[in-house]
C-alpha atoms as a PDB file:
ATOM      1  CA  MET A   1    -212.708 -63.558 210.183  1.00  0.00           C
ATOM      2  CA  PRO A   2    -213.285 -66.065 207.555  1.00  0.00           C
ATOM      3  CA  ASN A   3    -209.984 -66.939 207.758  1.00  0.00           C
ATOM      4  CA  THR A   4    -210.754 -68.188 211.435  1.00  0.00           C
ATOM      5  CA  ARG A   5    -213.363 -69.510 210.247  1.00  0.00           C
ATOM      6  CA  LYS A   6    -211.393 -71.477 207.259  1.00  0.00           C
ATOM      7  CA  ARG A   7    -209.155 -72.765 210.561  1.00  0.00           C
ATOM      8  CA  GLY A   8    -211.989 -74.131 212.505  1.00  0.00           C
ATOM      9  CA  ARG A   9    -213.402 -76.001 210.117  1.00  0.00           C
ATOM     10  CA  GLY A  10    -209.631 -77.082 209.071  1.00  0.00           C
ATOM     11  CA  SER A  11    -209.911 -78.356 213.609  1.00  0.00           C
ATOM     12  CA  ASN A  12    -212.733 -80.390 212.931  1.00  0.00           C
ATOM     13  CA  LYS A  13    -211.744 -82.449 210.223  1.00  0.00           C
ATOM     14  CA  ALA A  14    -208.604 -82.932 211.934  1.00  0.00           C
ATOM     15  CA  GLY A  15    -210.124 -83.639 215.362  1.00  0.00           C
ATOM     16  CA  HIS A  16    -212.830 -85.819 213.726  1.00  0.00           C
ATOM     17  CA  LYS A  17    -209.902 -87.445 211.735  1.00  0.00           C
ATOM     18  CA  LYS A  18    -208.232 -88.399 214.861  1.00  0.00           C
ATOM     19  CA  GLU A  19    -211.399 -89.424 216.789  1.00  0.00           C
ATOM     20  CA  THR A  20    -211.597 -91.951 213.562  1.00  0.00           C
ATOM     21  CA  SER A  21    -208.665 -93.627 214.405  1.00  0.00           C
ATOM     22  CA  THR A  22    -208.219 -94.001 218.031  1.00  0.00           C
ATOM     23  CA  ASN A  23    -211.222 -95.815 217.418  1.00  0.00           C
ATOM     24  CA  LYS A  24    -211.311 -97.445 214.583  1.00  0.00           C
ATOM     25  CA  TYR A  25    -210.233-101.231 216.555  1.00  0.00           C
ATOM     26  CA  ASN A  26    -212.554-102.655 218.180  1.00  0.00           C
ATOM     27  CA  VAL A  27    -212.394-105.344 221.456  1.00  0.00           C
ATOM     28  CA  GLU A  28    -211.966-108.614 219.309  1.00  0.00           C
ATOM     29  CA  ASP A  29    -209.488-106.844 217.303  1.00  0.00           C
ATOM     30  CA  LEU A  30    -207.233-105.523 219.556  1.00  0.00           C
ATOM     31  CA  LEU A  31    -207.284-108.526 221.173  1.00  0.00           C
ATOM     32  CA  GLU A  32    -205.989-109.988 218.091  1.00  0.00           C
ATOM     33  CA  LYS A  33    -203.293-107.617 217.651  1.00  0.00           C
ATOM     34  CA  ALA A  34    -201.865-108.604 221.701  1.00  0.00           C
ATOM     35  CA  ASN A  35    -202.271-112.194 220.899  1.00  0.00           C
ATOM     36  CA  ASP A  36    -200.029-111.392 217.593  1.00  0.00           C
ATOM     37  CA  CYS A  37    -197.496-109.433 219.973  1.00  0.00           C
ATOM     38  CA  ILE A  38    -197.840-112.218 222.785  1.00  0.00           C
ATOM     39  CA  GLU A  39    -196.648-114.567 220.251  1.00  0.00           C
ATOM     40  CA  GLN A  40    -193.405-112.590 218.917  1.00  0.00           C
ATOM     41  CA  PHE A  41    -192.788-112.286 222.791  1.00  0.00           C
ATOM     42  CA  GLN A  42    -193.412-108.659 222.690  1.00  0.00           C
ATOM     43  CA  PHE A  43    -194.710-108.433 226.128  1.00  0.00           C
ATOM     44  CA  GLU A  44    -194.941-105.157 226.999  1.00  0.00           C
ATOM     45  CA  LEU A  45    -196.523-103.994 223.202  1.00  0.00           C
ATOM     46  CA  ALA A  46    -199.257-106.609 223.593  1.00  0.00           C
ATOM     47  CA  CYS A  47    -199.734-105.598 227.328  1.00  0.00           C
ATOM     48  CA  LYS A  48    -200.930-101.613 225.308  1.00  0.00           C
ATOM     49  CA  PHE A  49    -203.548-103.238 223.232  1.00  0.00           C
ATOM     50  CA  CYS A  50    -205.371-105.456 226.519  1.00  0.00           C
ATOM     51  CA  GLN A  51    -205.262-102.251 228.322  1.00  0.00           C
ATOM     52  CA  ARG A  52    -207.042-100.361 224.927  1.00  0.00           C
ATOM     53  CA  ALA A  53    -209.371-103.535 224.949  1.00  0.00           C
ATOM     54  CA  LEU A  54    -210.263-102.615 228.391  1.00  0.00           C
ATOM     55  CA  GLU A  55    -210.971 -98.698 228.217  1.00  0.00           C
ATOM     56  CA  LEU A  56    -213.556-100.428 225.565  1.00  0.00           C
ATOM     57  CA  GLU A  57    -215.018-102.422 227.415  1.00  0.00           C
ATOM     58  CA  SER A  58    -213.699-102.685 230.843  1.00  0.00           C
ATOM     59  CA  GLN A  59    -215.274-106.129 231.891  1.00  0.00           C
ATOM     60  CA  ASN A  60    -214.694-107.872 228.233  1.00  0.00           C
ATOM     61  CA  LEU A  61    -213.647-111.472 230.480  1.00  0.00           C
ATOM     62  CA  HIS A  62    -211.246-112.570 227.669  1.00  0.00           C
ATOM     63  CA  ALA A  63    -209.663-108.740 228.098  1.00  0.00           C
ATOM     64  CA  LEU A  64    -209.321-109.264 231.649  1.00  0.00           C
ATOM     65  CA  ASN A  65    -207.556-112.767 231.454  1.00  0.00           C
ATOM     66  CA  THR A  66    -205.679-112.451 228.635  1.00  0.00           C
ATOM     67  CA  TYR A  67    -204.199-108.602 230.506  1.00  0.00           C
ATOM     68  CA  ALA A  68    -203.385-110.711 233.586  1.00  0.00           C
ATOM     69  CA  CYS A  69    -201.421-113.356 231.974  1.00  0.00           C
ATOM     70  CA  ILE A  70    -199.552-110.690 230.129  1.00  0.00           C
ATOM     71  CA  LEU A  71    -199.091-108.709 233.017  1.00  0.00           C
ATOM     72  CA  LEU A  72    -197.410-112.614 234.672  1.00  0.00           C
ATOM     73  CA  GLU A  73    -195.426-112.594 231.963  1.00  0.00           C
ATOM     74  CA  LEU A  74    -194.524-109.036 232.975  1.00  0.00           C
ATOM     75  CA  GLY A  75    -193.412-110.793 235.968  1.00  0.00           C
ATOM     76  CA  ASP A  76    -196.057-107.812 237.590  1.00  0.00           C
ATOM     77  CA  ALA A  77    -198.064-110.916 239.853  1.00  0.00           C
ATOM     78  CA  GLU A  78    -199.348-108.561 242.293  1.00  0.00           C
ATOM     79  CA  LYS A  79    -201.674-106.725 239.510  1.00  0.00           C
ATOM     80  CA  ALA A  80    -202.235-109.955 237.802  1.00  0.00           C
ATOM     81  CA  TYR A  81    -203.786-111.431 240.529  1.00  0.00           C
ATOM     82  CA  ASP A  82    -206.319-108.053 240.598  1.00  0.00           C
ATOM     83  CA  GLN A  83    -206.945-108.871 237.467  1.00  0.00           C
ATOM     84  CA  PHE A  84    -208.252-113.200 238.405  1.00  0.00           C
ATOM     85  CA  GLN A  85    -209.350-111.497 241.352  1.00  0.00           C
ATOM     86  CA  GLN A  86    -212.102-109.282 239.042  1.00  0.00           C
ATOM     87  CA  LEU A  87    -212.094-112.502 237.124  1.00  0.00           C
ATOM     88  CA  ILE A  88    -214.030-114.017 239.796  1.00  0.00           C
ATOM     89  CA  LYS A  89    -216.221-111.562 240.910  1.00  0.00           C
ATOM     90  CA  LEU A  90    -217.691-110.855 237.451  1.00  0.00           C
ATOM     91  CA  SER A  91    -218.062-114.888 236.060  1.00  0.00           C
ATOM     92  CA  PRO A  92    -216.918-116.791 238.916  1.00  0.00           C
ATOM     93  CA  ASP A  93    -218.166-120.774 237.800  1.00  0.00           C
ATOM     94  CA  ASN A  94    -216.806-120.668 234.437  1.00  0.00           C
ATOM     95  CA  GLY A  95    -213.638-120.257 232.548  1.00  0.00           C
ATOM     96  CA  HIS A  96    -211.182-122.917 235.021  1.00  0.00           C
ATOM     97  CA  GLU A  97    -207.636-121.117 233.938  1.00  0.00           C
ATOM     98  CA  LYS A  98    -207.850-118.310 236.417  1.00  0.00           C
ATOM     99  CA  TYR A  99    -207.817-120.715 239.095  1.00  0.00           C
ATOM    100  CA  MET A 100    -204.803-122.701 237.948  1.00  0.00           C
ATOM    101  CA  TYR A 101    -202.990-119.145 237.998  1.00  0.00           C
ATOM    102  CA  LEU A 102    -203.845-118.177 241.588  1.00  0.00           C
ATOM    103  CA  GLY A 103    -203.565-121.569 242.367  1.00  0.00           C
ATOM    104  CA  GLN A 104    -199.900-121.639 240.598  1.00  0.00           C
ATOM    105  CA  MET A 105    -198.924-117.810 243.095  1.00  0.00           C
ATOM    106  CA  CYS A 106    -200.698-119.129 245.871  1.00  0.00           C
ATOM    107  CA  SER A 107    -199.820-121.767 247.922  1.00  0.00           C
ATOM    108  CA  GLY A 108    -200.876-124.207 250.968  1.00  0.00           C
ATOM    109  CA  THR A 109    -205.055-124.151 251.821  1.00  0.00           C
ATOM    110  CA  ASP A 110    -205.955-121.142 249.436  1.00  0.00           C
ATOM    111  CA  ALA A 111    -204.018-122.901 246.515  1.00  0.00           C
ATOM    112  CA  ALA A 112    -205.924-126.454 247.443  1.00  0.00           C
ATOM    113  CA  ASN A 113    -209.039-124.097 247.428  1.00  0.00           C
ATOM    114  CA  TYR A 114    -208.884-122.935 243.797  1.00  0.00           C
ATOM    115  CA  PHE A 115    -207.359-126.324 242.032  1.00  0.00           C
ATOM    116  CA  ASN A 116    -210.374-127.650 243.117  1.00  0.00           C
ATOM    117  CA  LYS A 117    -212.635-124.739 241.590  1.00  0.00           C
ATOM    118  CA  GLY A 118    -211.025-125.059 238.722  1.00  0.00           C
ATOM    119  CA  ILE A 119    -211.043-128.865 239.441  1.00  0.00           C
ATOM    120  CA  GLU A 120    -214.934-128.702 239.680  1.00  0.00           C
ATOM    121  CA  ILE A 121    -215.029-126.456 236.492  1.00  0.00           C
ATOM    122  CA  LEU A 122    -213.021-128.747 234.267  1.00  0.00           C
ATOM    123  CA  LYS A 123    -215.288-131.688 235.120  1.00  0.00           C
ATOM    124  CA  ALA A 124    -218.597-129.952 234.444  1.00  0.00           C
ATOM    125  CA  GLU A 125    -216.969-129.323 231.084  1.00  0.00           C
ATOM    126  CA  LEU A 126    -215.504-132.505 230.635  1.00  0.00           C
ATOM    127  CA  GLN A 127    -219.650-133.687 231.417  1.00  0.00           C
ATOM    128  CA  GLN A 128    -220.884-131.682 228.964  1.00  0.00           C
ATOM    129  CA  SER A 129    -218.152-132.073 226.638  1.00  0.00           C
ATOM    130  CA  THR A 130    -219.266-136.417 227.213  1.00  0.00           C
ATOM    131  CA  SER A 131    -222.632-135.559 226.640  1.00  0.00           C
ATOM    132  CA  ALA A 132    -221.880-134.515 223.440  1.00  0.00           C
ATOM    133  CA  ALA A 133    -222.249-136.088 219.935  1.00  0.00           C
ATOM    134  CA  SER A 134    -218.250-136.133 219.106  1.00  0.00           C
ATOM    135  CA  SER A 135    -215.981-133.724 221.153  1.00  0.00           C
ATOM    136  CA  PRO A 136    -211.814-133.842 220.738  1.00  0.00           C
ATOM    137  CA  ASN A 137    -211.764-132.104 223.275  1.00  0.00           C
ATOM    138  CA  GLN A 138    -212.161-135.094 225.953  1.00  0.00           C
ATOM    139  CA  SER A 139    -208.580-135.807 225.859  1.00  0.00           C
ATOM    140  CA  ASN A 140    -207.441-132.480 226.121  1.00  0.00           C
ATOM    141  CA  LEU A 141    -209.185-131.592 229.227  1.00  0.00           C
ATOM    142  CA  SER A 142    -209.203-134.887 230.951  1.00  0.00           C
ATOM    143  CA  GLN A 143    -205.273-134.164 231.259  1.00  0.00           C
ATOM    144  CA  GLU A 144    -205.544-130.745 232.689  1.00  0.00           C
ATOM    145  CA  ILE A 145    -207.524-132.589 235.409  1.00  0.00           C
ATOM    146  CA  SER A 146    -204.815-135.427 235.447  1.00  0.00           C
ATOM    147  CA  ARG A 147    -202.242-132.204 235.875  1.00  0.00           C
ATOM    148  CA  ALA A 148    -204.590-129.961 238.385  1.00  0.00           C
ATOM    149  CA  PHE A 149    -204.721-133.455 240.787  1.00  0.00           C
ATOM    150  CA  CYS A 150    -200.518-133.348 240.611  1.00  0.00           C
ATOM    151  CA  SER A 151    -200.883-130.149 241.592  1.00  0.00           C
ATOM    152  CA  LEU A 152    -202.862-130.639 244.199  1.00  0.00           C
ATOM    153  CA  ALA A 153    -200.605-134.129 245.603  1.00  0.00           C
ATOM    154  CA  GLU A 154    -198.007-131.792 245.268  1.00  0.00           C
ATOM    155  CA  ILE A 155    -199.283-129.094 247.479  1.00  0.00           C
ATOM    156  CA  TYR A 156    -199.584-132.024 250.200  1.00  0.00           C
ATOM    157  CA  LEU A 157    -196.231-133.296 249.248  1.00  0.00           C
ATOM    158  CA  THR A 158    -195.201-130.131 250.302  1.00  0.00           C
ATOM    159  CA  ASP A 159    -197.023-126.421 251.874  1.00  0.00           C
ATOM    160  CA  CYS A 160    -199.056-128.958 253.921  1.00  0.00           C
ATOM    161  CA  CYS A 161    -197.710-131.886 254.279  1.00  0.00           C
ATOM    162  CA  PHE A 162    -197.415-131.491 258.738  1.00  0.00           C
ATOM    163  CA  GLU A 163    -201.723-131.469 257.869  1.00  0.00           C
ATOM    164  CA  GLU A 164    -203.855-134.269 259.139  1.00  0.00           C
ATOM    165  CA  ASN A 165    -203.925-137.033 256.535  1.00  0.00           C
ATOM    166  CA  ALA A 166    -201.989-135.191 254.528  1.00  0.00           C
ATOM    167  CA  ALA A 167    -199.926-138.160 253.178  1.00  0.00           C
ATOM    168  CA  GLN A 168    -203.603-140.160 252.231  1.00  0.00           C
ATOM    169  CA  HIS A 169    -204.483-136.868 250.464  1.00  0.00           C
ATOM    170  CA  CYS A 170    -201.522-136.513 249.195  1.00  0.00           C
ATOM    171  CA  GLU A 171    -202.226-140.769 247.588  1.00  0.00           C
ATOM    172  CA  ASN A 172    -205.929-139.639 246.626  1.00  0.00           C
ATOM    173  CA  TYR A 173    -204.494-136.369 244.523  1.00  0.00           C
ATOM    174  CA  CYS A 174    -202.208-138.992 242.586  1.00  0.00           C
ATOM    175  CA  ARG A 175    -204.500-141.601 241.906  1.00  0.00           C
ATOM    176  CA  ASN A 176    -207.425-139.090 240.806  1.00  0.00           C
ATOM    177  CA  ALA A 177    -204.471-138.087 238.179  1.00  0.00           C
ATOM    178  CA  ILE A 178    -204.266-141.432 237.305  1.00  0.00           C
ATOM    179  CA  GLU A 179    -207.282-142.524 236.863  1.00  0.00           C
ATOM    180  CA  TYR A 180    -208.137-139.208 234.372  1.00  0.00           C
ATOM    181  CA  ASN A 181    -204.369-139.493 232.605  1.00  0.00           C
ATOM    182  CA  ALA A 182    -203.003-143.092 232.904  1.00  0.00           C
ATOM    183  CA  GLU A 183    -200.461-141.882 230.599  1.00  0.00           C
ATOM    184  CA  ASN A 184    -199.069-138.879 232.730  1.00  0.00           C
ATOM    185  CA  ALA A 185    -196.513-139.954 234.380  1.00  0.00           C
ATOM    186  CA  ASP A 186    -195.864-136.980 236.754  1.00  0.00           C
ATOM    187  CA  ALA A 187    -199.017-138.333 238.781  1.00  0.00           C
ATOM    188  CA  TYR A 188    -196.881-141.341 239.463  1.00  0.00           C
ATOM    189  CA  GLN A 189    -194.114-140.148 240.023  1.00  0.00           C
ATOM    190  CA  LEU A 190    -195.632-138.394 242.492  1.00  0.00           C
ATOM    191  CA  LEU A 191    -197.327-141.685 244.148  1.00  0.00           C
ATOM    192  CA  ALA A 192    -193.408-143.049 244.219  1.00  0.00           C
ATOM    193  CA  SER A 193    -192.440-139.865 245.766  1.00  0.00           C
ATOM    194  CA  CYS A 194    -196.187-140.253 248.302  1.00  0.00           C
ATOM    195  CA  LEU A 195    -195.109-144.009 249.208  1.00  0.00           C
ATOM    196  CA  LEU A 196    -191.645-142.887 249.481  1.00  0.00           C
ATOM    197  CA  SER A 197    -192.078-140.329 252.166  1.00  0.00           C
ATOM    198  CA  GLN A 198    -194.029-143.612 253.984  1.00  0.00           C
ATOM    199  CA  ASP A 199    -191.619-146.215 254.120  1.00  0.00           C
ATOM    200  CA  GLN A 200    -193.896-147.777 251.084  1.00  0.00           C
ATOM    201  CA  ILE A 201    -189.712-148.713 249.459  1.00  0.00           C
ATOM    202  CA  ASP A 202    -191.116-151.310 246.915  1.00  0.00           C
ATOM    203  CA  ASN A 203    -194.886-149.867 246.527  1.00  0.00           C
ATOM    204  CA  ALA A 204    -192.607-146.743 245.573  1.00  0.00           C
ATOM    205  CA  ARG A 205    -190.022-148.723 242.484  1.00  0.00           C
ATOM    206  CA  GLU A 206    -193.168-150.438 241.699  1.00  0.00           C
ATOM    207  CA  TYR A 207    -194.550-146.470 240.425  1.00  0.00           C
ATOM    208  CA  MET A 208    -191.104-145.127 239.232  1.00  0.00           C
ATOM    209  CA  GLN A 209    -190.764-147.616 237.069  1.00  0.00           C
ATOM    210  CA  LYS A 210    -194.145-147.233 235.888  1.00  0.00           C
ATOM    211  CA  SER A 211    -192.979-142.980 235.751  1.00  0.00           C
ATOM    212  CA  ILE A 212    -189.361-143.821 233.788  1.00  0.00           C
ATOM    213  CA  SER A 213    -191.505-146.687 231.314  1.00  0.00           C
ATOM    214  CA  LEU A 214    -193.740-143.784 230.098  1.00  0.00           C
ATOM    215  CA  TRP A 215    -191.268-142.092 228.722  1.00  0.00           C
ATOM    216  CA  LEU A 216    -187.247-143.258 229.168  1.00  0.00           C
ATOM    217  CA  PRO A 217    -188.043-145.414 226.314  1.00  0.00           C
ATOM    218  CA  ALA A 218    -188.982-143.082 223.721  1.00  0.00           C
ATOM    219  CA  CYS A 219    -185.582-141.231 224.010  1.00  0.00           C
ATOM    220  CA  ARG A 220    -183.596-144.287 223.507  1.00  0.00           C
ATOM    221  CA  ASP A 221    -185.981-144.430 220.185  1.00  0.00           C
ATOM    222  CA  LEU A 222    -184.661-140.847 219.290  1.00  0.00           C
ATOM    223  CA  ASP A 223    -181.165-141.404 220.376  1.00  0.00           C
ATOM    224  CA  ASN A 224    -181.447-144.337 217.810  1.00  0.00           C
ATOM    225  CA  ASN A 225    -183.090-142.475 215.457  1.00  0.00           C
ATOM    226  CA  PHE A 226    -185.762-145.519 215.135  1.00  0.00           C
ATOM    227  CA  GLU A 227    -188.417-144.821 212.860  1.00  0.00           C
ATOM    228  CA  GLU A 228    -191.360-146.647 214.909  1.00  0.00           C
ATOM    229  CA  ALA A 229    -190.163-143.782 217.930  1.00  0.00           C
ATOM    230  CA  GLU A 230    -193.258-142.590 219.490  1.00  0.00           C
ATOM    231  CA  GLU A 231    -193.695-138.823 218.290  1.00  0.00           C
ATOM    232  CA  ASP A 232    -196.236-137.578 220.759  1.00  0.00           C
ATOM    233  CA  VAL A 233    -194.812-138.867 223.671  1.00  0.00           C
ATOM    234  CA  LEU A 234    -194.417-135.971 226.424  1.00  0.00           C
ATOM    235  CA  ILE A 235    -191.367-135.632 227.581  1.00  0.00           C
ATOM    236  CA  PRO A 236    -192.055-134.178 231.273  1.00  0.00           C
ATOM    237  CA  SER A 237    -189.965-131.196 231.748  1.00  0.00           C
ATOM    238  CA  TYR A 238    -185.790-130.778 232.851  1.00  0.00           C
ATOM    239  CA  ASP A 239    -186.970-129.825 236.426  1.00  0.00           C
ATOM    240  CA  SER A 240    -188.969-132.969 236.546  1.00  0.00           C
ATOM    241  CA  ARG A 241    -186.237-134.586 235.091  1.00  0.00           C
ATOM    242  CA  ILE A 242    -184.130-134.141 237.887  1.00  0.00           C
ATOM    243  CA  THR A 243    -186.775-135.221 240.413  1.00  0.00           C
ATOM    244  CA  SER A 244    -186.785-138.119 239.151  1.00  0.00           C
ATOM    245  CA  ALA A 245    -183.289-138.931 239.848  1.00  0.00           C
ATOM    246  CA  LYS A 246    -183.191-137.768 242.544  1.00  0.00           C
ATOM    247  CA  LEU A 247    -185.944-140.050 243.247  1.00  0.00           C
ATOM    248  CA  LEU A 248    -183.709-142.887 241.824  1.00  0.00           C
ATOM    249  CA  ILE A 249    -180.877-143.167 243.728  1.00  0.00           C
ATOM    250  CA  GLU A 250    -182.785-142.677 247.016  1.00  0.00           C
ATOM    251  CA  LEU A 251    -184.741-145.983 245.875  1.00  0.00           C
ATOM    252  CA  GLU A 252    -181.600-147.871 244.570  1.00  0.00           C
ATOM    253  CA  GLN A 253    -181.692-147.781 241.141  1.00  0.00           C
ATOM    254  CA  TYR A 254    -178.739-145.591 240.385  1.00  0.00           C
ATOM    255  CA  GLU A 255    -178.282-147.638 236.557  1.00  0.00           C
ATOM    256  CA  VAL A 256    -181.411-145.361 235.451  1.00  0.00           C
ATOM    257  CA  ALA A 257    -180.756-142.504 237.397  1.00  0.00           C
ATOM    258  CA  ASN A 258    -176.947-142.348 236.169  1.00  0.00           C
ATOM    259  CA  GLU A 259    -178.492-142.410 231.936  1.00  0.00           C
ATOM    260  CA  ILE A 260    -181.032-139.633 233.272  1.00  0.00           C
ATOM    261  CA  LEU A 261    -178.454-137.469 234.735  1.00  0.00           C
ATOM    262  CA  ASP A 262    -176.322-138.477 231.948  1.00  0.00           C
ATOM    263  CA  ARG A 263    -179.164-136.839 229.872  1.00  0.00           C
ATOM    264  CA  LEU A 264    -180.061-134.224 231.621  1.00  0.00           C
ATOM    265  CA  LEU A 265    -175.860-132.819 231.658  1.00  0.00           C
ATOM    266  CA  GLN A 266    -175.746-132.807 227.626  1.00  0.00           C
ATOM    267  CA  GLU A 267    -179.180-130.615 227.836  1.00  0.00           C
ATOM    268  CA  ASP A 268    -177.600-128.307 229.835  1.00  0.00           C
ATOM    269  CA  ASP A 269    -173.956-128.554 232.045  1.00  0.00           C
ATOM    270  CA  GLU A 270    -174.443-125.625 234.016  1.00  0.00           C
ATOM    271  CA  VAL A 271    -177.225-126.946 236.517  1.00  0.00           C
ATOM    272  CA  ILE A 272    -176.301-127.272 239.865  1.00  0.00           C
ATOM    273  CA  GLN A 273    -178.183-129.635 241.092  1.00  0.00           C
ATOM    274  CA  VAL A 274    -177.460-132.328 238.507  1.00  0.00           C
ATOM    275  CA  TRP A 275    -173.561-131.780 238.728  1.00  0.00           C
ATOM    276  CA  TYR A 276    -174.376-132.996 242.535  1.00  0.00           C
ATOM    277  CA  LEU A 277    -176.732-135.898 241.689  1.00  0.00           C
ATOM    278  CA  LEU A 278    -174.118-137.124 239.697  1.00  0.00           C
ATOM    279  CA  GLY A 279    -171.597-136.624 242.552  1.00  0.00           C
ATOM    280  CA  TRP A 280    -174.162-138.262 244.876  1.00  0.00           C
ATOM    281  CA  LEU A 281    -174.445-141.541 242.764  1.00  0.00           C
ATOM    282  CA  CYS A 282    -170.999-142.203 242.841  1.00  0.00           C
ATOM    283  CA  TYR A 283    -169.730-141.907 245.758  1.00  0.00           C
ATOM    284  CA  LEU A 284    -172.954-144.020 246.633  1.00  0.00           C
ATOM    285  CA  GLN A 285    -171.135-146.572 244.553  1.00  0.00           C
ATOM    286  CA  LYS A 286    -168.393-145.699 246.454  1.00  0.00           C
ATOM    287  CA  ASP A 287    -166.880-144.150 243.163  1.00  0.00           C
ATOM    288  CA  PHE A 288    -164.865-141.710 243.952  1.00  0.00           C
ATOM    289  CA  VAL A 289    -163.027-140.042 241.765  1.00  0.00           C
ATOM    290  CA  PRO A 290    -165.182-139.303 239.382  1.00  0.00           C
ATOM    291  CA  ALA A 291    -167.737-138.442 241.917  1.00  0.00           C
ATOM    292  CA  ARG A 292    -164.650-135.655 243.784  1.00  0.00           C
ATOM    293  CA  GLN A 293    -164.769-134.000 240.322  1.00  0.00           C
ATOM    294  CA  HIS A 294    -168.782-133.850 240.034  1.00  0.00           C
ATOM    295  CA  LEU A 295    -168.990-132.762 243.644  1.00  0.00           C
ATOM    296  CA  GLU A 296    -165.932-129.786 242.875  1.00  0.00           C
ATOM    297  CA  MET A 297    -168.138-128.624 239.451  1.00  0.00           C
ATOM    298  CA  ALA A 298    -171.526-128.332 241.654  1.00  0.00           C
ATOM    299  CA  LYS A 299    -169.412-126.510 244.214  1.00  0.00           C
ATOM    300  CA  LYS A 300    -167.712-123.990 241.266  1.00  0.00           C
ATOM    301  CA  LEU A 301    -171.191-123.406 239.472  1.00  0.00           C
ATOM    302  CA  SER A 302    -172.788-122.722 242.869  1.00  0.00           C
ATOM    303  CA  GLU A 303    -170.327-120.137 243.688  1.00  0.00           C
ATOM    304  CA  LYS A 304    -170.359-118.981 239.965  1.00  0.00           C
ATOM    305  CA  LEU A 305    -174.638-118.978 239.746  1.00  0.00           C
ATOM    306  CA  HIS A 306    -174.771-117.730 243.882  1.00  0.00           C
ATOM    307  CA  TYR A 307    -176.981-120.486 244.068  1.00  0.00           C
ATOM    308  CA  ASP A 308    -179.006-120.080 247.746  1.00  0.00           C
ATOM    309  CA  ASP A 309    -180.157-123.762 248.605  1.00  0.00           C
ATOM    310  CA  SER A 310    -178.006-123.971 251.803  1.00  0.00           C
ATOM    311  CA  LYS A 311    -179.180-127.642 251.751  1.00  0.00           C
ATOM    312  CA  VAL A 312    -178.235-128.762 248.639  1.00  0.00           C
ATOM    313  CA  ASN A 313    -174.682-126.867 249.585  1.00  0.00           C
ATOM    314  CA  GLU A 314    -174.489-128.737 252.732  1.00  0.00           C
ATOM    315  CA  HIS A 315    -174.821-131.302 251.513  1.00  0.00           C
ATOM    316  CA  ILE A 316    -171.372-130.775 248.956  1.00  0.00           C
ATOM    317  CA  GLU A 317    -169.641-129.812 251.074  1.00  0.00           C
ATOM    318  CA  GLU A 318    -170.162-132.587 253.680  1.00  0.00           C
ATOM    319  CA  LEU A 319    -169.293-134.993 250.518  1.00  0.00           C
ATOM    320  CA  LEU A 320    -166.459-133.615 250.000  1.00  0.00           C
ATOM    321  CA  SER A 321    -164.649-133.695 253.011  1.00  0.00           C
ATOM    322  CA  GLU A 322    -165.781-137.687 253.255  1.00  0.00           C
ATOM    323  CA  ILE A 323    -164.177-138.244 250.004  1.00  0.00           C
ATOM    324  CA  PRO A 324    -160.445-138.503 250.693  1.00  0.00           C
ATOM    325  CA  ASN A 325    -158.760-136.218 248.146  1.00  0.00           C
ATOM    326  CA  ASN A 326    -156.876-137.402 244.069  1.00  0.00           C
ATOM    327  CA  GLU A 327    -153.816-137.345 244.900  1.00  0.00           C
ATOM    328  CA  LEU A 328    -154.180-139.756 248.003  1.00  0.00           C
ATOM    329  CA  MET A 329    -156.585-142.176 246.075  1.00  0.00           C
ATOM    330  CA  GLU A 330    -153.776-142.699 243.513  1.00  0.00           C
ATOM    331  CA  ASP A 331    -151.274-143.367 245.687  1.00  0.00           C
ATOM    332  CA  ASP A 332    -153.775-145.601 247.444  1.00  0.00           C
ATOM    333  CA  LYS A 333    -154.245-147.841 243.995  1.00  0.00           C
ATOM    334  CA  GLU A 334    -150.566-147.178 243.436  1.00  0.00           C
ATOM    335  CA  ASN A 335    -149.904-148.942 246.410  1.00  0.00           C
ATOM    336  CA  GLU A 336    -152.177-151.997 245.949  1.00  0.00           C
ATOM    337  CA  ASP A 337    -151.306-152.453 242.579  1.00  0.00           C
ATOM    338  CA  ASP A 338    -147.876-152.743 244.721  1.00  0.00           C
ATOM    339  CA  ASP A 339    -148.646-154.825 246.945  1.00  0.00           C
ATOM    340  CA  HIS A 340    -150.627-156.778 244.226  1.00  0.00           C
ATOM    341  CA  THR A 341    -147.148-157.579 242.356  1.00  0.00           C
ATOM    342  CA  MET A 342    -145.721-158.250 245.437  1.00  0.00           C
ATOM    343  CA  GLU A 343    -147.888-161.541 246.486  1.00  0.00           C
ATOM    344  CA  THR A 344    -147.749-162.435 242.764  1.00  0.00           C
ATOM    345  CA  GLU A 345    -144.379-162.727 242.879  1.00  0.00           C
ATOM    346  CA  ASP A 346    -144.211-164.693 245.938  1.00  0.00           C
ATOM    347  CA  SER A 347    -147.007-167.259 245.642  1.00  0.00           C
ATOM    348  CA  PRO A 348    -146.287-170.328 245.201  1.00  0.00           C
ATOM    349  CA  SER A 349    -146.742-170.809 241.917  1.00  0.00           C
ATOM    350  CA  ASN A 350    -143.490-168.767 241.061  1.00  0.00           C
ATOM    351  CA  ASN A 351    -141.948-170.308 244.095  1.00  0.00           C
ATOM    352  CA  SER A 352    -141.815-173.498 242.595  1.00  0.00           C
ATOM    353  CA  ALA A 353    -140.719-172.701 239.337  1.00  0.00           C
END
């Protein structure tokens, strides 16, 4: 009997220690650890910390939002969607982030509705910030609103392009984006694309040039190691610059398009779109030798990477079929040189001599 009581006391102590060890962190501590893991790209471990935090407080908004974002990183979009919906139920009129994420996850009018709600909340936050004596957050809020309007414009350029007044909606959203951030290069580029779709070529060129002027000169300055190069200039994403080059080609701004594509190639030489656009650009300028080389590289990469954009692949094949092969082109060049030599020898000035 004494031994039994002793083991009982020992068991209780062990149980007490175990309970203390599992509960020694509160929600804030667990979320801090989750954020540390996120910074180190340890998303699975971060997920476990968030789950533990939600076990303690199932309706903690910060924990739900962090958990949803981690789930997106882990590729579980369906579960992340559920968490964002839960956030909307708990706090529909505060916190714009959930609406921005849902806008990106959805398409068509559903996406547009989420973005519009997010913008509504952002505008309210900006209004409160503006009424404060001093707030460094105003610029960030304006930039977020501008980006959200760009997202809306993209929807009416793509998913909702056949809806009534889609072009006008797109143009309005672009101009709203510029109103909130006049340095947003993507906003000018989207407006150029919108105007191009309406065959307003001159206006499209004007806004495209404005977009490029906001970041390309800074790239050139950095190349030349200029001390006065602006460090705070936001260079558009790689994909956005591919779109820039494509629009410039469509607007017959070949020189700048070529410069942008060359820069993209220096950053990554295994992007099919870049080789394809370089080939198309050379083809349009009747520079057929490099055109064939670039297009063949695009085709090779497409086969290697199993690229599934049928329109691009078909255009590559179409362009290649219209370009004579290198051997024929070299023969033509040699024949032209021979003809030129014969004409020179038979010229009146040579005969008189």
